[in-house]
Amino acid sequence: MYHRVRWGIVLALLACPAFPTHAGLSGGGWYEWSASSTSENGEYVFVSLHPNPIDEQVARIRSCGNDPPYLIVEDEVDEVQRLYDTYPCSGMYRNDGSTTPLWTTGGRIYGGIPSPNGRMLFSSSFNYFFSISVCDGPTPKRTLTDLDMIGYVPFALNTIANSPGRYMEDYQLDANWQHAKVIWDNGSTTTVRLDDFAIVQSNTLGYSLYHLFTTVRGLLFVLVVCFVTSMLGYLLTILVMRVRKVDDRR
């Protein structure tokens, strides 16, 4: 639970200087109000307008007060009002004062990082599990879950051993926006190609096997599996021998 809360806060803040943002993004992916985010080169801005009336969004902002401390109420209120006064709908815009969207999402997206060419939007969500999504212009959003990125077998082994490797520690986007590298909390990594979400690198299985054999729970599981397998093999051998004896008597 600690990892989920900790990294949910990190994703909500998006405090990395490589991803400049407007004030509204401090709550855009976490709370229920509008937000915007700017591409690294400053040329594009993605605007996410919440469907609720502005007064409800403002009430929601004020209900949070100054807790957590990074939330500055008046700045958030002013930003929500500015977004509604400036932009007609959610979508990607040129960051030069233009109010004509290059493309729209057809629905609200809770935050995201615009690509340097304004063609894509990379977003991450942290509800119960971590997932990444990419919007490519008007193309429907593609989403990849943590189970897809980690793999079902490594995920199961990590769960059995009660070891790390099930939560996102960090992620990196390469300069040309071809790949996203997800770093898990045990040091394993998964690299995803963004144009088709193909997994091009993953070492999660090796890490999960290592933790399986180096934790008490993991070793107990291995011993139980070995014992059960041996017993099944023994019983199967006895059964085969009895069948052969019956055949010989005939």
Protein backbone atom coordinates (compact mmCIF):
# COMPACT_ATOMS: atom_id res chain seq x y z
CA MET A 1 0.00 0.00 0.00
CA TYR A 2 2.91 2.33 0.79
CA HIS A 3 4.27 2.03 -2.74
CA ARG A 4 0.86 2.69 -4.26
CA VAL A 5 0.33 5.87 -2.23
CA ARG A 6 3.89 7.11 -2.63
CA TRP A 7 4.03 6.75 -6.39
CA GLY A 8 0.49 7.93 -6.86
CA ILE A 9 1.67 11.23 -5.35
CA VAL A 10 4.74 11.29 -7.56
CA LEU A 11 2.71 10.77 -10.72
CA ALA A 12 0.24 13.41 -9.67
CA LEU A 13 2.95 15.96 -9.09
CA LEU A 14 4.86 15.25 -12.30
CA ALA A 15 7.57 17.38 -10.77
CA CYS A 16 10.34 16.30 -13.12
CA PRO A 17 11.76 19.44 -14.80
CA ALA A 18 11.81 17.62 -18.14
CA PHE A 19 8.03 17.85 -18.23
CA PRO A 20 6.99 21.52 -17.78
CA THR A 21 3.36 22.02 -16.78
CA HIS A 22 0.78 24.66 -16.02
CA ALA A 23 -0.40 25.10 -12.46
CA GLY A 24 -3.55 23.09 -13.01
CA LEU A 25 -1.65 19.86 -13.55
CA SER A 26 -0.75 19.63 -9.88
CA GLY A 27 -4.22 18.23 -9.40
CA GLY A 28 -5.15 17.25 -12.94
CA GLY A 29 -4.50 13.55 -12.62
CA TRP A 30 -5.42 13.19 -8.98
CA TYR A 31 -8.29 15.51 -8.15
CA GLU A 32 -11.47 16.32 -10.00
CA TRP A 33 -10.76 19.52 -11.89
CA SER A 34 -9.34 20.71 -15.20
CA ALA A 35 -5.65 20.73 -16.05
CA SER A 36 -3.10 21.34 -18.77
CA SER A 37 0.45 20.20 -19.52
CA THR A 38 3.12 21.53 -21.86
CA SER A 39 5.55 19.60 -24.05
CA GLU A 40 9.22 19.60 -23.13
CA ASN A 41 10.08 22.01 -25.94
CA GLY A 42 7.22 24.32 -24.97
CA GLU A 43 5.60 24.20 -28.42
CA TYR A 44 2.44 22.27 -27.55
CA VAL A 45 -0.04 22.23 -24.69
CA PHE A 46 -2.54 19.52 -23.88
CA VAL A 47 -5.72 20.75 -22.22
CA SER A 48 -8.00 18.48 -20.22
CA LEU A 49 -11.32 20.13 -19.34
CA HIS A 50 -13.37 18.44 -16.66
CA PRO A 51 -17.06 18.01 -17.59
CA ASN A 52 -18.31 19.17 -14.19
CA PRO A 53 -19.36 22.84 -13.86
CA ILE A 54 -16.59 25.22 -12.84
CA ASP A 55 -18.22 26.03 -9.50
CA GLU A 56 -18.17 22.32 -8.58
CA GLN A 57 -14.51 22.07 -9.55
CA VAL A 58 -13.67 25.17 -7.50
CA ALA A 59 -15.57 23.76 -4.54
CA ARG A 60 -13.59 20.56 -4.88
CA ILE A 61 -10.32 22.47 -4.97
CA ARG A 62 -11.24 24.51 -1.92
CA SER A 63 -12.35 21.41 -0.03
CA CYS A 64 -8.76 20.16 -0.30
CA GLY A 65 -7.46 23.35 1.28
CA ASN A 66 -3.68 23.50 1.39
CA ASP A 67 -3.30 19.81 2.08
CA PRO A 68 -1.10 18.44 0.58
CA PRO A 69 1.08 21.56 0.93
CA TYR A 70 2.01 21.78 -2.79
CA LEU A 71 -1.60 22.62 -3.62
CA ILE A 72 -2.03 26.40 -3.79
CA VAL A 73 -5.78 26.96 -3.86
CA GLU A 74 -6.03 30.33 -5.60
CA ASP A 75 -3.55 29.33 -8.29
CA GLU A 76 -5.59 26.21 -9.02
CA VAL A 77 -8.85 28.16 -9.12
CA ASP A 78 -7.38 30.78 -11.46
CA GLU A 79 -5.97 28.05 -13.71
CA VAL A 80 -9.29 26.24 -14.04
CA GLN A 81 -11.03 29.50 -14.94
CA ARG A 82 -8.29 30.40 -17.44
CA LEU A 83 -8.57 27.06 -19.21
CA TYR A 84 -12.34 27.40 -19.64
CA ASP A 85 -12.02 31.01 -20.77
CA THR A 86 -9.34 30.14 -23.33
CA TYR A 87 -10.00 26.68 -24.79
CA PRO A 88 -13.22 25.30 -26.30
CA CYS A 89 -12.59 21.60 -25.57
CA SER A 90 -10.08 19.02 -24.38
CA GLY A 91 -7.30 18.36 -26.85
CA MET A 92 -3.84 19.26 -28.13
CA TYR A 93 -3.05 22.87 -29.03
CA ARG A 94 -0.08 24.85 -30.25
CA ASN A 95 1.34 26.75 -27.30
CA ASP A 96 1.32 30.09 -29.13
CA GLY A 97 -2.06 31.39 -28.06
CA SER A 98 -3.94 29.25 -30.56
CA THR A 99 -7.39 28.10 -29.47
CA THR A 100 -8.00 25.74 -32.37
CA PRO A 101 -7.22 22.16 -31.35
CA LEU A 102 -4.86 20.09 -33.48
CA TRP A 103 -6.80 17.04 -32.31
CA THR A 104 -9.30 16.24 -29.61
CA THR A 105 -9.67 13.21 -27.38
CA GLY A 106 -13.42 12.73 -27.54
CA GLY A 107 -13.41 12.57 -23.76
CA ARG A 108 -11.52 13.66 -20.67
CA ILE A 109 -7.99 12.35 -20.07
CA TYR A 110 -6.57 12.86 -16.59
CA GLY A 111 -3.28 14.54 -17.36
CA GLY A 112 -0.49 13.48 -19.67
CA ILE A 113 2.78 14.51 -21.28
CA PRO A 114 2.61 15.90 -24.84
CA SER A 115 5.26 14.74 -27.30
CA PRO A 116 7.64 17.37 -28.75
CA ASN A 117 5.78 17.26 -32.07
CA GLY A 118 2.30 17.42 -30.52
CA ARG A 119 1.30 14.13 -32.15
CA MET A 120 1.12 11.96 -29.04
CA LEU A 121 0.11 12.19 -25.41
CA PHE A 122 1.70 9.87 -22.87
CA SER A 123 -0.30 9.39 -19.71
CA SER A 124 -0.07 7.14 -16.71
CA SER A 125 -2.67 6.11 -14.21
CA PHE A 126 -2.25 4.78 -10.70
CA ASN A 127 -5.48 3.47 -9.31
CA TYR A 128 -4.90 0.05 -7.82
CA PHE A 129 -2.32 -0.96 -10.40
CA PHE A 130 -0.12 1.07 -12.71
CA SER A 131 -0.83 1.48 -16.40
CA ILE A 132 0.39 3.64 -19.28
CA SER A 133 -1.65 5.05 -22.14
CA VAL A 134 -0.87 6.81 -25.40
CA CYS A 135 -3.14 8.97 -27.53
CA ASP A 136 -1.96 9.43 -31.11
CA GLY A 137 -4.01 12.30 -32.45
CA PRO A 138 -7.66 11.31 -32.88
CA THR A 139 -6.73 7.60 -32.73
CA PRO A 140 -8.40 5.81 -29.79
CA LYS A 141 -6.27 5.62 -26.69
CA ARG A 142 -4.12 2.51 -26.23
CA THR A 143 -3.53 1.26 -22.70
CA LEU A 144 -1.05 -1.21 -21.28
CA THR A 145 -1.44 -2.53 -17.73
CA ASP A 146 1.23 -3.55 -15.28
CA LEU A 147 0.30 -7.23 -15.77
CA ASP A 148 0.99 -6.84 -19.49
CA MET A 149 4.34 -5.18 -18.82
CA ILE A 150 5.54 -7.41 -16.00
CA GLY A 151 4.13 -10.66 -17.36
CA TYR A 152 1.66 -12.97 -15.66
CA VAL A 153 4.24 -15.56 -14.57
CA PRO A 154 6.69 -13.05 -13.00
CA PHE A 155 3.77 -11.23 -11.38
CA ALA A 156 2.51 -14.49 -9.88
CA LEU A 157 5.98 -15.45 -8.64
CA ASN A 158 6.47 -12.04 -7.05
CA THR A 159 3.09 -12.38 -5.36
CA ILE A 160 3.91 -15.85 -4.05
CA ALA A 161 7.27 -14.72 -2.68
CA ASN A 162 5.76 -11.47 -1.39
CA SER A 163 8.75 -9.72 -2.94
CA PRO A 164 9.16 -6.39 -4.74
CA GLY A 165 8.65 -6.12 -8.47
CA ARG A 166 4.92 -5.45 -8.60
CA TYR A 167 4.93 -1.65 -8.42
CA MET A 168 6.27 1.04 -10.72
CA GLU A 169 9.29 2.90 -9.36
CA ASP A 170 9.85 5.26 -12.28
CA TYR A 171 9.50 5.55 -16.03
CA GLN A 172 11.56 7.15 -18.80
CA LEU A 173 10.66 8.36 -22.28
CA ASP A 174 13.41 8.43 -24.89
CA ALA A 175 14.10 11.68 -26.76
CA ASN A 176 12.40 10.61 -29.99
CA TRP A 177 9.35 9.18 -28.22
CA GLN A 178 9.73 5.70 -29.64
CA HIS A 179 10.02 3.82 -26.35
CA ALA A 180 8.93 4.07 -22.74
CA LYS A 181 11.04 2.29 -20.14
CA VAL A 182 9.25 1.29 -16.93
CA ILE A 183 11.42 0.63 -13.88
CA TRP A 184 9.87 -1.61 -11.23
CA ASP A 185 10.57 -1.43 -7.52
CA ASN A 186 12.93 -4.44 -7.53
CA GLY A 187 15.16 -2.96 -10.25
CA SER A 188 13.71 -4.94 -13.16
CA THR A 189 12.72 -3.05 -16.29
CA THR A 190 10.26 -3.31 -19.16
CA THR A 191 10.69 -1.34 -22.38
CA VAL A 192 7.58 -0.71 -24.48
CA ARG A 193 7.49 0.53 -28.08
CA LEU A 194 4.93 3.31 -28.11
CA ASP A 195 3.64 3.04 -31.68
CA ASP A 196 2.20 -0.44 -31.15
CA PHE A 197 2.80 -1.11 -27.42
CA ALA A 198 5.01 -4.11 -28.19
CA ILE A 199 7.27 -5.14 -25.32
CA VAL A 200 10.80 -5.05 -26.73
CA GLN A 201 12.71 -5.76 -23.50
CA SER A 202 11.82 -7.25 -20.16
CA ASN A 203 13.91 -8.90 -17.45
CA THR A 204 11.12 -9.27 -14.92
CA LEU A 205 11.18 -13.09 -15.01
CA GLY A 206 14.83 -13.27 -14.01
CA TYR A 207 14.29 -10.91 -11.09
CA SER A 208 11.18 -12.76 -9.94
CA LEU A 209 13.01 -16.10 -9.99
CA TYR A 210 15.87 -14.60 -8.00
CA HIS A 211 13.48 -13.36 -5.31
CA LEU A 212 11.61 -16.65 -5.35
CA PHE A 213 14.80 -18.48 -4.34
CA THR A 214 16.06 -15.85 -1.89
CA THR A 215 12.97 -15.29 0.26
CA VAL A 216 11.54 -17.55 2.96
CA ARG A 217 8.10 -17.64 1.38
CA GLY A 218 9.60 -18.31 -2.02
CA LEU A 219 11.73 -21.19 -0.73
CA LEU A 220 8.78 -22.69 1.13
CA PHE A 221 6.73 -22.53 -2.07
CA VAL A 222 9.52 -24.25 -4.03
CA LEU A 223 9.80 -26.98 -1.38
CA VAL A 224 6.04 -27.56 -1.38
CA VAL A 225 5.96 -27.77 -5.17
CA CYS A 226 8.89 -30.20 -5.17
CA PHE A 227 7.23 -32.34 -2.50
CA VAL A 228 3.89 -32.41 -4.30
CA THR A 229 5.59 -33.17 -7.62
CA SER A 230 7.60 -35.99 -6.05
CA MET A 231 4.52 -37.50 -4.44
CA LEU A 232 2.59 -37.33 -7.70
CA GLY A 233 5.51 -38.93 -9.51
CA TYR A 234 5.71 -41.65 -6.86
CA LEU A 235 1.99 -42.38 -7.03
CA LEU A 236 2.06 -42.40 -10.81
CA THR A 237 4.97 -44.84 -10.78
CA ILE A 238 3.10 -47.21 -8.45
CA LEU A 239 0.03 -47.00 -10.63
CA VAL A 240 2.00 -47.83 -13.77
CA MET A 241 3.71 -50.77 -12.08
CA ARG A 242 0.36 -52.20 -10.92
CA VAL A 243 -1.10 -51.85 -14.39
CA ARG A 244 1.90 -53.71 -15.81
CA LYS A 245 1.52 -56.49 -13.26
CA VAL A 246 -2.11 -56.92 -14.21
CA ASP A 247 -1.15 -57.06 -17.90
CA ASP A 248 1.58 -59.64 -17.18
CA ARG A 249 -0.88 -61.92 -15.38
CA ARG A 250 -3.09 -61.90 -18.37
